[in-house]
Amino acid sequence: PVPAGLPGDPEPEEAVSDDSSRHGGRVRGFPHERGSWATHVYLPCRVQEEFLELLELLVSRARTYVASLAAMEEFHLSLSQCVVLRHHWIDPFVRSLKERLAPFHRFFCVADQVKVYTNENKTRTFIGLEVSAGHFQLLELVSEVDRVLEEFDLPTFYKDPSFHISLAWCVGDMSGRLEGQCLQELQDIVDGFEDSALLLRVQWDQVRCKSGNKCFSFPLR
């Protein structure tokens, strides 16, 4: 499963309305509480123009199975679940993250396996590219992020994570429609795309933490 809240989701500190129609039908993973900040640690992914061409092909094909699919506008790989931080925890949380992540060097991953995901409460379905190389370095990063989360008595990441970059999403559990034949067709598109081996080799050079409307960056060495 993937976090219910993702970078780009509207999560301002003072939001008072949970009207899902205001943000594409998405439903909060937890109720809003004043002074609580939805927080997420992730690797931001900068993409090339060719990647967007591949994305357009994939979404176009997948929409023949689920017409409501929408392409992601930003791309990332999660290192934490979406957790709730009290406002006065943000600064010490960020300081601890900075210390834990300081020794890490930049590294590459290959994300080339198409997979379908749902969030934990089955309110959203995603199509993503799962990592097939670079898993060990990601687990090392998650281990350090988990230690910071434990300091604040927050939920750690999933025990056996499927690291991936989300490409498209829709409301509800549409996994039954997207798996099987659709998934195979999408994988064939990825495998046959020109220079896909190079295109889907991603270098990570920073970790980010988004907490409410604040964003913090931690460059890798």
N, C-alpha and C. Protein backbone atom coordinates (compact mmCIF):
# COMPACT_ATOMS: atom_id res chain seq x y z
N PRO A 1 0.83 -1.22 0.00
CA PRO A 1 0.00 0.00 0.00
C PRO A 1 0.86 1.25 0.00
N VAL A 2 0.28 2.36 -0.40
CA VAL A 2 1.00 3.63 -0.45
C VAL A 2 0.35 4.62 0.50
N PRO A 3 1.08 5.68 0.86
CA PRO A 3 0.49 6.65 1.79
C PRO A 3 -0.77 7.27 1.23
N ALA A 4 -1.72 7.57 2.12
CA ALA A 4 -2.96 8.21 1.69
C ALA A 4 -2.72 9.65 1.28
N GLY A 5 -1.75 10.31 1.91
CA GLY A 5 -1.42 11.68 1.55
C GLY A 5 -0.10 11.71 0.82
N LEU A 6 0.00 12.46 -0.26
CA LEU A 6 1.20 12.50 -1.07
C LEU A 6 1.61 13.93 -1.31
N PRO A 7 2.90 14.16 -1.67
CA PRO A 7 3.30 15.53 -2.01
C PRO A 7 2.38 16.11 -3.07
N GLY A 8 1.96 17.34 -2.86
CA GLY A 8 1.03 17.96 -3.79
C GLY A 8 -0.40 17.93 -3.29
N ASP A 9 -0.72 17.05 -2.35
CA ASP A 9 -2.06 17.04 -1.78
C ASP A 9 -2.26 18.33 -0.97
N PRO A 10 -3.45 18.90 -1.01
CA PRO A 10 -3.69 20.11 -0.21
C PRO A 10 -3.79 19.76 1.26
N GLU A 11 -2.79 20.16 2.05
CA GLU A 11 -2.79 19.87 3.48
C GLU A 11 -2.34 21.10 4.27
N PRO A 12 -2.88 22.30 4.00
CA PRO A 12 -2.45 23.47 4.77
C PRO A 12 -2.82 23.32 6.24
N GLU A 13 -2.03 23.96 7.10
CA GLU A 13 -2.21 23.82 8.54
C GLU A 13 -3.61 24.20 8.98
N GLU A 14 -4.15 25.25 8.37
CA GLU A 14 -5.41 25.77 8.87
C GLU A 14 -6.62 25.31 8.06
N ALA A 15 -6.46 24.29 7.23
CA ALA A 15 -7.60 23.80 6.46
C ALA A 15 -8.70 23.35 7.41
N VAL A 16 -9.93 23.69 7.08
CA VAL A 16 -11.03 23.35 7.97
C VAL A 16 -12.08 22.51 7.28
N SER A 17 -11.96 22.32 5.96
CA SER A 17 -12.98 21.59 5.22
C SER A 17 -12.43 20.28 4.69
N ASP A 18 -13.20 19.19 4.80
CA ASP A 18 -12.81 17.91 4.23
C ASP A 18 -13.66 17.59 3.01
N ASP A 19 -14.11 18.61 2.30
CA ASP A 19 -14.94 18.44 1.11
C ASP A 19 -14.10 17.80 0.01
N SER A 20 -14.33 16.50 -0.25
CA SER A 20 -13.50 15.78 -1.21
C SER A 20 -13.66 16.30 -2.62
N SER A 21 -14.76 16.96 -2.93
CA SER A 21 -14.96 17.47 -4.28
C SER A 21 -13.97 18.58 -4.61
N ARG A 22 -13.36 19.16 -3.59
CA ARG A 22 -12.41 20.26 -3.83
C ARG A 22 -11.06 19.76 -4.29
N HIS A 23 -10.76 18.47 -4.12
CA HIS A 23 -9.47 17.95 -4.56
C HIS A 23 -9.62 16.58 -5.22
N GLY A 24 -10.47 16.56 -6.26
CA GLY A 24 -10.54 15.40 -7.13
C GLY A 24 -11.17 14.17 -6.52
N GLY A 25 -11.90 14.34 -5.42
CA GLY A 25 -12.54 13.18 -4.80
C GLY A 25 -11.65 12.45 -3.82
N ARG A 26 -10.43 12.97 -3.59
CA ARG A 26 -9.54 12.30 -2.63
C ARG A 26 -10.08 12.44 -1.22
N VAL A 27 -9.83 11.43 -0.41
CA VAL A 27 -10.33 11.41 0.96
C VAL A 27 -9.13 11.37 1.90
N ARG A 28 -9.18 12.18 2.94
CA ARG A 28 -8.08 12.19 3.91
C ARG A 28 -7.87 10.81 4.52
N GLY A 29 -6.58 10.50 4.80
CA GLY A 29 -6.28 9.26 5.49
C GLY A 29 -6.53 9.36 6.98
N PHE A 30 -6.66 10.60 7.48
CA PHE A 30 -6.96 10.84 8.88
C PHE A 30 -7.63 12.20 8.98
N PRO A 31 -8.47 12.41 9.99
CA PRO A 31 -9.20 13.69 10.10
C PRO A 31 -8.25 14.83 10.39
N HIS A 32 -8.59 16.02 9.86
CA HIS A 32 -7.78 17.20 10.14
C HIS A 32 -7.97 17.63 11.59
N GLU A 33 -6.87 18.02 12.20
CA GLU A 33 -6.91 18.57 13.56
C GLU A 33 -6.01 19.79 13.59
N ARG A 34 -6.52 20.88 14.09
CA ARG A 34 -5.76 22.14 14.13
C ARG A 34 -4.43 21.92 14.85
N GLY A 35 -3.34 22.39 14.23
CA GLY A 35 -2.02 22.25 14.83
C GLY A 35 -1.33 20.95 14.48
N SER A 36 -2.00 20.07 13.73
CA SER A 36 -1.41 18.81 13.28
C SER A 36 -1.03 18.94 11.81
N TRP A 37 0.16 18.52 11.47
CA TRP A 37 0.69 18.69 10.12
C TRP A 37 0.94 17.33 9.47
N ALA A 38 0.30 17.08 8.34
CA ALA A 38 0.56 15.86 7.58
C ALA A 38 1.99 15.92 7.06
N THR A 39 2.77 14.87 7.33
CA THR A 39 4.21 14.88 7.06
C THR A 39 4.62 13.63 6.31
N HIS A 40 5.52 13.81 5.34
CA HIS A 40 5.90 12.72 4.44
C HIS A 40 7.36 12.91 4.05
N VAL A 41 8.16 11.84 4.12
CA VAL A 41 9.56 11.87 3.71
C VAL A 41 9.70 11.10 2.40
N TYR A 42 10.39 11.67 1.42
CA TYR A 42 10.42 11.05 0.09
C TYR A 42 11.63 11.52 -0.70
N LEU A 43 11.88 10.82 -1.80
CA LEU A 43 12.90 11.21 -2.77
C LEU A 43 12.21 11.87 -3.96
N PRO A 44 12.47 13.14 -4.23
CA PRO A 44 11.84 13.78 -5.39
C PRO A 44 12.48 13.31 -6.68
N CYS A 45 11.68 13.18 -7.71
CA CYS A 45 12.14 12.65 -8.99
C CYS A 45 11.95 13.71 -10.08
N ARG A 46 13.04 14.18 -10.65
CA ARG A 46 12.96 15.10 -11.79
C ARG A 46 12.95 14.26 -13.06
N VAL A 47 12.04 14.53 -13.95
CA VAL A 47 11.87 13.68 -15.12
C VAL A 47 12.22 14.44 -16.40
N GLN A 48 12.61 13.66 -17.42
CA GLN A 48 12.93 14.21 -18.73
C GLN A 48 11.66 14.26 -19.58
N GLU A 49 11.76 14.99 -20.68
CA GLU A 49 10.62 15.11 -21.59
C GLU A 49 10.20 13.75 -22.13
N GLU A 50 11.20 12.87 -22.37
CA GLU A 50 10.89 11.54 -22.89
C GLU A 50 10.08 10.73 -21.89
N PHE A 51 10.33 10.96 -20.60
CA PHE A 51 9.57 10.28 -19.56
C PHE A 51 8.09 10.67 -19.65
N LEU A 52 7.84 11.94 -19.90
CA LEU A 52 6.46 12.41 -20.01
C LEU A 52 5.78 11.82 -21.24
N GLU A 53 6.56 11.57 -22.30
CA GLU A 53 6.01 10.92 -23.49
C GLU A 53 5.60 9.48 -23.14
N LEU A 54 6.45 8.78 -22.40
CA LEU A 54 6.12 7.42 -21.96
C LEU A 54 4.89 7.45 -21.06
N LEU A 55 4.84 8.40 -20.14
CA LEU A 55 3.70 8.54 -19.24
C LEU A 55 2.40 8.71 -20.03
N GLU A 56 2.44 9.55 -21.07
CA GLU A 56 1.25 9.79 -21.88
C GLU A 56 0.76 8.50 -22.55
N LEU A 57 1.70 7.71 -23.05
CA LEU A 57 1.34 6.43 -23.67
C LEU A 57 0.69 5.49 -22.65
N LEU A 58 1.28 5.41 -21.46
CA LEU A 58 0.78 4.51 -20.42
C LEU A 58 -0.61 4.92 -19.94
N VAL A 59 -0.78 6.21 -19.68
CA VAL A 59 -2.07 6.68 -19.17
C VAL A 59 -3.15 6.52 -20.23
N SER A 60 -2.81 6.81 -21.49
CA SER A 60 -3.78 6.65 -22.57
C SER A 60 -4.27 5.22 -22.68
N ARG A 61 -3.33 4.26 -22.59
CA ARG A 61 -3.72 2.85 -22.66
C ARG A 61 -4.54 2.45 -21.43
N ALA A 62 -4.10 2.87 -20.24
CA ALA A 62 -4.79 2.48 -19.01
C ALA A 62 -6.20 3.06 -18.94
N ARG A 63 -6.42 4.21 -19.57
CA ARG A 63 -7.76 4.83 -19.56
C ARG A 63 -8.77 4.01 -20.36
N THR A 64 -8.32 3.12 -21.20
CA THR A 64 -9.27 2.24 -21.90
C THR A 64 -9.85 1.22 -20.92
N TYR A 65 -9.23 1.07 -19.74
CA TYR A 65 -9.73 0.18 -18.69
C TYR A 65 -10.38 0.98 -17.55
N VAL A 66 -9.80 2.14 -17.20
CA VAL A 66 -10.36 3.01 -16.16
C VAL A 66 -10.27 4.44 -16.67
N ALA A 67 -11.40 4.97 -17.13
CA ALA A 67 -11.41 6.27 -17.80
C ALA A 67 -11.04 7.43 -16.88
N SER A 68 -11.21 7.26 -15.57
CA SER A 68 -11.01 8.36 -14.63
C SER A 68 -9.56 8.53 -14.20
N LEU A 69 -8.64 7.74 -14.73
CA LEU A 69 -7.23 7.87 -14.34
C LEU A 69 -6.68 9.25 -14.67
N ALA A 70 -5.92 9.80 -13.75
CA ALA A 70 -5.27 11.10 -13.96
C ALA A 70 -3.76 10.92 -13.78
N ALA A 71 -3.00 11.53 -14.68
CA ALA A 71 -1.54 11.45 -14.57
C ALA A 71 -1.05 12.28 -13.39
N MET A 72 -0.01 11.80 -12.72
CA MET A 72 0.62 12.58 -11.65
C MET A 72 1.31 13.78 -12.27
N GLU A 73 1.35 14.88 -11.54
CA GLU A 73 2.04 16.08 -12.00
C GLU A 73 3.43 16.20 -11.40
N GLU A 74 3.65 15.55 -10.26
CA GLU A 74 4.96 15.49 -9.63
C GLU A 74 5.27 14.02 -9.34
N PHE A 75 6.57 13.70 -9.29
CA PHE A 75 6.96 12.30 -9.14
C PHE A 75 7.92 12.17 -7.97
N HIS A 76 7.78 11.09 -7.24
CA HIS A 76 8.60 10.88 -6.05
C HIS A 76 8.62 9.41 -5.71
N LEU A 77 9.50 9.06 -4.78
CA LEU A 77 9.55 7.71 -4.20
C LEU A 77 9.48 7.86 -2.69
N SER A 78 8.49 7.25 -2.06
CA SER A 78 8.25 7.44 -0.63
C SER A 78 9.27 6.70 0.23
N LEU A 79 9.69 7.37 1.31
CA LEU A 79 10.54 6.76 2.33
C LEU A 79 9.83 6.66 3.67
N SER A 80 8.60 7.16 3.73
CA SER A 80 7.81 7.07 4.96
C SER A 80 6.34 7.01 4.58
N GLN A 81 5.53 6.60 5.52
CA GLN A 81 4.10 6.79 5.39
C GLN A 81 3.80 8.28 5.62
N CYS A 82 2.57 8.66 5.36
CA CYS A 82 2.13 10.01 5.73
C CYS A 82 1.75 9.96 7.21
N VAL A 83 2.48 10.72 8.03
CA VAL A 83 2.26 10.71 9.48
C VAL A 83 1.85 12.10 9.93
N VAL A 84 1.42 12.21 11.19
CA VAL A 84 0.95 13.49 11.73
C VAL A 84 1.96 14.01 12.74
N LEU A 85 2.46 15.22 12.48
CA LEU A 85 3.37 15.89 13.41
C LEU A 85 2.67 17.08 14.06
N ARG A 86 2.85 17.23 15.35
CA ARG A 86 2.42 18.45 16.00
C ARG A 86 3.36 19.58 15.54
N HIS A 87 2.83 20.79 15.50
CA HIS A 87 3.61 21.91 14.95
C HIS A 87 4.95 22.08 15.66
N HIS A 88 4.97 21.95 16.98
CA HIS A 88 6.21 22.19 17.73
C HIS A 88 7.21 21.05 17.58
N TRP A 89 6.82 19.95 16.92
CA TRP A 89 7.74 18.85 16.66
C TRP A 89 8.51 19.03 15.35
N ILE A 90 8.03 19.92 14.49
CA ILE A 90 8.59 19.97 13.13
C ILE A 90 10.09 20.27 13.14
N ASP A 91 10.51 21.31 13.84
CA ASP A 91 11.93 21.68 13.84
C ASP A 91 12.83 20.57 14.39
N PRO A 92 12.52 19.99 15.57
CA PRO A 92 13.37 18.89 16.04
C PRO A 92 13.32 17.66 15.13
N PHE A 93 12.18 17.41 14.52
CA PHE A 93 12.06 16.29 13.57
C PHE A 93 12.99 16.50 12.38
N VAL A 94 12.97 17.70 11.83
CA VAL A 94 13.82 18.03 10.68
C VAL A 94 15.30 17.97 11.06
N ARG A 95 15.65 18.46 12.23
CA ARG A 95 17.05 18.41 12.68
C ARG A 95 17.53 16.97 12.79
N SER A 96 16.68 16.13 13.35
CA SER A 96 17.04 14.72 13.50
C SER A 96 17.21 14.04 12.14
N LEU A 97 16.30 14.34 11.22
CA LEU A 97 16.42 13.80 9.86
C LEU A 97 17.74 14.23 9.22
N LYS A 98 18.07 15.50 9.35
CA LYS A 98 19.30 16.02 8.75
C LYS A 98 20.52 15.27 9.27
N GLU A 99 20.56 15.01 10.57
CA GLU A 99 21.69 14.30 11.16
C GLU A 99 21.76 12.86 10.65
N ARG A 100 20.61 12.20 10.58
CA ARG A 100 20.58 10.79 10.17
C ARG A 100 20.94 10.61 8.69
N LEU A 101 20.57 11.59 7.86
CA LEU A 101 20.76 11.45 6.42
C LEU A 101 22.10 12.00 5.94
N ALA A 102 22.82 12.71 6.81
CA ALA A 102 24.06 13.37 6.42
C ALA A 102 25.10 12.44 5.79
N PRO A 103 25.26 11.19 6.25
CA PRO A 103 26.31 10.34 5.68
C PRO A 103 26.00 9.77 4.30
N PHE A 104 24.77 9.89 3.81
CA PHE A 104 24.38 9.17 2.60
C PHE A 104 24.87 9.85 1.32
N HIS A 105 25.29 9.01 0.38
CA HIS A 105 25.75 9.47 -0.92
C HIS A 105 24.64 9.33 -1.96
N ARG A 106 24.79 10.07 -3.07
CA ARG A 106 23.87 9.92 -4.18
C ARG A 106 23.96 8.50 -4.74
N PHE A 107 22.87 8.04 -5.31
CA PHE A 107 22.87 6.69 -5.87
C PHE A 107 21.81 6.58 -6.95
N PHE A 108 21.87 5.48 -7.71
CA PHE A 108 20.94 5.24 -8.79
C PHE A 108 19.96 4.12 -8.44
N CYS A 109 18.77 4.21 -9.02
CA CYS A 109 17.80 3.11 -8.99
C CYS A 109 17.31 2.87 -10.41
N VAL A 110 16.84 1.68 -10.65
CA VAL A 110 16.12 1.38 -11.88
C VAL A 110 14.67 1.10 -11.51
N ALA A 111 13.75 1.87 -12.08
CA ALA A 111 12.31 1.70 -11.81
C ALA A 111 11.63 1.38 -13.13
N ASP A 112 11.43 0.10 -13.40
CA ASP A 112 10.95 -0.30 -14.73
C ASP A 112 9.87 -1.38 -14.72
N GLN A 113 9.34 -1.69 -13.53
CA GLN A 113 8.32 -2.73 -13.43
C GLN A 113 6.96 -2.10 -13.11
N VAL A 114 6.02 -2.19 -14.04
CA VAL A 114 4.70 -1.58 -13.83
C VAL A 114 3.92 -2.38 -12.78
N LYS A 115 3.31 -1.67 -11.84
CA LYS A 115 2.58 -2.34 -10.77
C LYS A 115 1.39 -1.47 -10.36
N VAL A 116 0.35 -2.11 -9.86
CA VAL A 116 -0.86 -1.41 -9.40
C VAL A 116 -0.89 -1.43 -7.88
N TYR A 117 -1.21 -0.29 -7.28
CA TYR A 117 -1.24 -0.13 -5.84
C TYR A 117 -2.56 0.49 -5.41
N THR A 118 -2.96 0.21 -4.17
CA THR A 118 -4.05 0.96 -3.54
C THR A 118 -3.55 1.47 -2.19
N ASN A 119 -4.14 2.58 -1.72
CA ASN A 119 -3.79 3.02 -0.38
C ASN A 119 -4.51 2.12 0.64
N GLU A 120 -4.17 2.31 1.91
CA GLU A 120 -4.62 1.36 2.94
C GLU A 120 -6.13 1.28 3.08
N ASN A 121 -6.80 2.42 2.93
CA ASN A 121 -8.26 2.38 3.09
C ASN A 121 -9.00 2.23 1.75
N LYS A 122 -8.23 1.88 0.70
CA LYS A 122 -8.81 1.54 -0.62
C LYS A 122 -9.60 2.68 -1.24
N THR A 123 -9.24 3.92 -0.91
CA THR A 123 -9.95 5.07 -1.49
C THR A 123 -9.27 5.58 -2.75
N ARG A 124 -8.05 5.14 -3.01
CA ARG A 124 -7.33 5.56 -4.21
C ARG A 124 -6.54 4.40 -4.78
N THR A 125 -6.43 4.37 -6.10
CA THR A 125 -5.64 3.37 -6.80
C THR A 125 -4.57 4.08 -7.62
N PHE A 126 -3.39 3.48 -7.68
CA PHE A 126 -2.27 4.07 -8.38
C PHE A 126 -1.65 3.08 -9.36
N ILE A 127 -1.12 3.60 -10.45
CA ILE A 127 -0.23 2.85 -11.32
C ILE A 127 1.17 3.38 -11.07
N GLY A 128 2.12 2.50 -10.80
CA GLY A 128 3.47 2.95 -10.49
C GLY A 128 4.52 2.12 -11.18
N LEU A 129 5.76 2.62 -11.15
CA LEU A 129 6.93 1.89 -11.63
C LEU A 129 7.71 1.42 -10.42
N GLU A 130 7.76 0.11 -10.22
CA GLU A 130 8.46 -0.46 -9.07
C GLU A 130 9.96 -0.55 -9.33
N VAL A 131 10.73 -0.32 -8.28
CA VAL A 131 12.18 -0.39 -8.37
C VAL A 131 12.64 -1.84 -8.51
N SER A 132 13.51 -2.08 -9.50
CA SER A 132 14.06 -3.42 -9.69
C SER A 132 15.55 -3.47 -9.36
N ALA A 133 16.19 -2.32 -9.20
CA ALA A 133 17.59 -2.25 -8.80
C ALA A 133 17.79 -1.01 -7.94
N GLY A 134 18.56 -1.14 -6.86
CA GLY A 134 18.77 -0.03 -5.93
C GLY A 134 18.00 -0.21 -4.63
N HIS A 135 17.42 -1.40 -4.46
CA HIS A 135 16.57 -1.68 -3.30
C HIS A 135 17.35 -1.57 -1.99
N PHE A 136 18.60 -2.05 -1.99
CA PHE A 136 19.39 -2.07 -0.75
C PHE A 136 19.62 -0.66 -0.22
N GLN A 137 20.01 0.26 -1.12
CA GLN A 137 20.26 1.64 -0.68
C GLN A 137 18.99 2.28 -0.15
N LEU A 138 17.86 1.97 -0.76
CA LEU A 138 16.58 2.52 -0.29
C LEU A 138 16.24 2.00 1.10
N LEU A 139 16.49 0.73 1.34
CA LEU A 139 16.24 0.16 2.67
C LEU A 139 17.12 0.81 3.73
N GLU A 140 18.36 1.14 3.36
CA GLU A 140 19.24 1.83 4.30
C GLU A 140 18.70 3.21 4.66
N LEU A 141 18.21 3.92 3.65
CA LEU A 141 17.60 5.23 3.90
C LEU A 141 16.38 5.11 4.80
N VAL A 142 15.51 4.16 4.47
CA VAL A 142 14.28 3.97 5.26
C VAL A 142 14.61 3.62 6.70
N SER A 143 15.67 2.84 6.91
CA SER A 143 16.07 2.47 8.27
C SER A 143 16.37 3.71 9.10
N GLU A 144 17.06 4.68 8.52
CA GLU A 144 17.38 5.91 9.25
C GLU A 144 16.14 6.78 9.45
N VAL A 145 15.29 6.87 8.43
CA VAL A 145 14.05 7.63 8.58
C VAL A 145 13.18 7.00 9.66
N ASP A 146 13.11 5.68 9.67
CA ASP A 146 12.33 4.97 10.70
C ASP A 146 12.82 5.30 12.10
N ARG A 147 14.13 5.42 12.26
CA ARG A 147 14.68 5.72 13.59
C ARG A 147 14.24 7.11 14.06
N VAL A 148 14.15 8.04 13.12
CA VAL A 148 13.65 9.37 13.48
C VAL A 148 12.17 9.29 13.86
N LEU A 149 11.40 8.55 13.06
CA LEU A 149 9.97 8.40 13.37
C LEU A 149 9.76 7.78 14.75
N GLU A 150 10.59 6.80 15.09
CA GLU A 150 10.47 6.15 16.39
C GLU A 150 10.76 7.12 17.53
N GLU A 151 11.67 8.06 17.30
CA GLU A 151 11.98 9.06 18.33
C GLU A 151 10.73 9.86 18.70
N PHE A 152 9.83 10.04 17.73
CA PHE A 152 8.62 10.82 17.95
C PHE A 152 7.37 9.94 18.10
N ASP A 153 7.63 8.64 18.30
CA ASP A 153 6.54 7.68 18.51
C ASP A 153 5.54 7.70 17.35
N LEU A 154 6.07 7.76 16.13
CA LEU A 154 5.25 7.77 14.92
C LEU A 154 5.39 6.45 14.17
N PRO A 155 4.39 6.09 13.36
CA PRO A 155 4.47 4.82 12.62
C PRO A 155 5.65 4.81 11.66
N THR A 156 6.37 3.70 11.64
CA THR A 156 7.48 3.53 10.70
C THR A 156 6.95 3.06 9.34
N PHE A 157 7.87 2.89 8.39
CA PHE A 157 7.47 2.51 7.03
C PHE A 157 7.02 1.06 7.01
N TYR A 158 6.48 0.64 5.88
CA TYR A 158 5.96 -0.73 5.74
C TYR A 158 7.10 -1.74 5.89
N LYS A 159 6.80 -2.90 6.45
CA LYS A 159 7.82 -3.88 6.79
C LYS A 159 8.55 -4.41 5.56
N ASP A 160 7.81 -4.66 4.49
CA ASP A 160 8.42 -5.16 3.25
C ASP A 160 7.98 -4.25 2.11
N PRO A 161 8.57 -3.05 2.02
CA PRO A 161 8.05 -2.04 1.10
C PRO A 161 8.27 -2.38 -0.37
N SER A 162 7.34 -1.96 -1.19
CA SER A 162 7.49 -2.02 -2.65
C SER A 162 7.81 -0.59 -3.09
N PHE A 163 9.10 -0.30 -3.23
CA PHE A 163 9.52 1.05 -3.61
C PHE A 163 9.09 1.33 -5.04
N HIS A 164 8.46 2.48 -5.25
CA HIS A 164 7.95 2.77 -6.59
C HIS A 164 7.74 4.26 -6.79
N ILE A 165 7.61 4.62 -8.05
CA ILE A 165 7.28 5.98 -8.46
C ILE A 165 5.87 5.95 -9.03
N SER A 166 4.93 6.64 -8.40
CA SER A 166 3.55 6.66 -8.89
C SER A 166 3.46 7.49 -10.16
N LEU A 167 2.69 6.98 -11.13
CA LEU A 167 2.53 7.63 -12.43
C LEU A 167 1.15 8.22 -12.63
N ALA A 168 0.13 7.53 -12.12
CA ALA A 168 -1.26 7.95 -12.34
C ALA A 168 -2.10 7.44 -11.18
N TRP A 169 -3.27 8.05 -11.00
CA TRP A 169 -4.14 7.68 -9.88
C TRP A 169 -5.60 7.87 -10.25
N CYS A 170 -6.46 7.23 -9.47
CA CYS A 170 -7.90 7.45 -9.59
C CYS A 170 -8.54 7.18 -8.24
N VAL A 171 -9.75 7.65 -8.08
CA VAL A 171 -10.50 7.45 -6.83
C VAL A 171 -11.06 6.04 -6.80
N GLY A 172 -11.05 5.43 -5.61
CA GLY A 172 -11.65 4.10 -5.42
C GLY A 172 -10.66 2.98 -5.66
N ASP A 173 -11.11 1.76 -5.42
CA ASP A 173 -10.28 0.57 -5.64
C ASP A 173 -10.56 0.04 -7.05
N MET A 174 -9.69 0.37 -7.98
CA MET A 174 -9.82 -0.06 -9.36
C MET A 174 -8.77 -1.10 -9.74
N SER A 175 -8.15 -1.71 -8.72
CA SER A 175 -7.07 -2.64 -8.99
C SER A 175 -7.52 -3.83 -9.83
N GLY A 176 -8.76 -4.27 -9.62
CA GLY A 176 -9.27 -5.41 -10.39
C GLY A 176 -9.31 -5.13 -11.88
N ARG A 177 -9.59 -3.90 -12.26
CA ARG A 177 -9.65 -3.55 -13.69
C ARG A 177 -8.27 -3.35 -14.29
N LEU A 178 -7.32 -2.90 -13.47
CA LEU A 178 -6.00 -2.53 -13.99
C LEU A 178 -5.00 -3.68 -13.98
N GLU A 179 -5.22 -4.67 -13.14
CA GLU A 179 -4.29 -5.80 -13.10
C GLU A 179 -4.63 -6.78 -14.22
N GLY A 180 -3.77 -7.75 -14.45
CA GLY A 180 -4.02 -8.73 -15.50
C GLY A 180 -3.67 -8.18 -16.87
N GLN A 181 -4.63 -8.18 -17.79
CA GLN A 181 -4.38 -7.79 -19.18
C GLN A 181 -3.86 -6.37 -19.29
N CYS A 182 -4.49 -5.44 -18.58
CA CYS A 182 -4.06 -4.03 -18.64
C CYS A 182 -2.61 -3.90 -18.19
N LEU A 183 -2.27 -4.53 -17.07
CA LEU A 183 -0.92 -4.44 -16.52
C LEU A 183 0.10 -4.98 -17.52
N GLN A 184 -0.23 -6.09 -18.17
CA GLN A 184 0.68 -6.67 -19.15
C GLN A 184 0.90 -5.72 -20.34
N GLU A 185 -0.18 -5.09 -20.79
CA GLU A 185 -0.06 -4.14 -21.90
C GLU A 185 0.81 -2.95 -21.52
N LEU A 186 0.66 -2.48 -20.28
CA LEU A 186 1.47 -1.35 -19.82
C LEU A 186 2.95 -1.74 -19.72
N GLN A 187 3.20 -2.96 -19.23
CA GLN A 187 4.60 -3.41 -19.14
C GLN A 187 5.21 -3.55 -20.53
N ASP A 188 4.43 -4.01 -21.50
CA ASP A 188 4.92 -4.13 -22.88
C ASP A 188 5.29 -2.75 -23.43
N ILE A 189 4.50 -1.73 -23.10
CA ILE A 189 4.81 -0.37 -23.55
C ILE A 189 6.14 0.09 -22.96
N VAL A 190 6.34 -0.15 -21.65
CA VAL A 190 7.59 0.25 -21.00
C VAL A 190 8.77 -0.49 -21.62
N ASP A 191 8.63 -1.80 -21.78
CA ASP A 191 9.75 -2.60 -22.31
C ASP A 191 10.10 -2.22 -23.74
N GLY A 192 9.10 -1.78 -24.51
CA GLY A 192 9.34 -1.46 -25.90
C GLY A 192 9.66 -0.01 -26.18
N PHE A 193 9.62 0.83 -25.14
CA PHE A 193 9.84 2.26 -25.34
C PHE A 193 11.32 2.53 -25.63
N GLU A 194 11.60 3.40 -26.59
CA GLU A 194 12.97 3.69 -26.99
C GLU A 194 13.78 4.24 -25.82
N ASP A 195 14.95 3.65 -25.61
CA ASP A 195 15.87 4.08 -24.54
C ASP A 195 15.25 3.98 -23.15
N SER A 196 14.30 3.06 -22.95
CA SER A 196 13.65 2.96 -21.63
C SER A 196 14.65 2.55 -20.54
N ALA A 197 15.64 1.73 -20.89
CA ALA A 197 16.62 1.29 -19.89
C ALA A 197 17.37 2.49 -19.31
N LEU A 198 17.72 3.45 -20.16
CA LEU A 198 18.41 4.65 -19.69
C LEU A 198 17.44 5.61 -19.03
N LEU A 199 16.26 5.72 -19.61
CA LEU A 199 15.26 6.67 -19.14
C LEU A 199 14.78 6.35 -17.72
N LEU A 200 14.70 5.06 -17.40
CA LEU A 200 14.15 4.64 -16.12
C LEU A 200 15.24 4.35 -15.09
N ARG A 201 16.44 4.81 -15.37
CA ARG A 201 17.54 4.76 -14.41
C ARG A 201 17.59 6.13 -13.74
N VAL A 202 17.21 6.18 -12.50
CA VAL A 202 16.99 7.46 -11.80
C VAL A 202 18.10 7.70 -10.79
N GLN A 203 18.70 8.89 -10.84
CA GLN A 203 19.67 9.26 -9.82
C GLN A 203 18.98 10.07 -8.73
N TRP A 204 19.20 9.67 -7.49
CA TRP A 204 18.65 10.40 -6.34
C TRP A 204 19.74 11.26 -5.75
N ASP A 205 19.49 12.57 -5.64
CA ASP A 205 20.51 13.46 -5.10
C ASP A 205 20.05 14.23 -3.87
N GLN A 206 18.80 14.01 -3.45
CA GLN A 206 18.33 14.67 -2.24
C GLN A 206 17.11 13.93 -1.68
N VAL A 207 16.91 14.10 -0.38
CA VAL A 207 15.70 13.63 0.30
C VAL A 207 14.91 14.87 0.69
N ARG A 208 13.59 14.77 0.63
CA ARG A 208 12.75 15.89 1.06
C ARG A 208 11.78 15.44 2.14
N CYS A 209 11.40 16.39 2.96
CA CYS A 209 10.35 16.18 3.96
C CYS A 209 9.33 17.28 3.77
N LYS A 210 8.10 16.90 3.49
CA LYS A 210 7.02 17.87 3.36
C LYS A 210 6.13 17.76 4.59
N SER A 211 5.95 18.87 5.28
CA SER A 211 5.11 18.89 6.47
C SER A 211 4.13 20.04 6.34
N GLY A 212 2.87 19.71 6.10
CA GLY A 212 1.89 20.74 5.81
C GLY A 212 2.31 21.50 4.57
N ASN A 213 2.44 22.82 4.69
CA ASN A 213 2.86 23.62 3.55
C ASN A 213 4.34 23.97 3.59
N LYS A 214 5.10 23.29 4.45
CA LYS A 214 6.55 23.51 4.54
C LYS A 214 7.29 22.35 3.87
N CYS A 215 8.38 22.67 3.16
CA CYS A 215 9.17 21.63 2.50
C CYS A 215 10.64 21.80 2.87
N PHE A 216 11.29 20.72 3.28
CA PHE A 216 12.68 20.73 3.70
C PHE A 216 13.48 19.77 2.82
N SER A 217 14.68 20.22 2.38
CA SER A 217 15.52 19.39 1.50
C SER A 217 16.79 18.98 2.22
N PHE A 218 17.23 17.75 1.96
CA PHE A 218 18.46 17.21 2.56
C PHE A 218 19.32 16.66 1.42
N PRO A 219 20.28 17.45 0.91
CA PRO A 219 21.12 16.97 -0.20
C PRO A 219 21.94 15.75 0.21
N LEU A 220 22.04 14.80 -0.73
CA LEU A 220 22.91 13.65 -0.52
C LEU A 220 24.32 14.01 -0.98
N ARG A 221 25.31 13.38 -0.42
CA ARG A 221 26.72 13.74 -0.68
C ARG A 221 27.16 13.35 -2.09
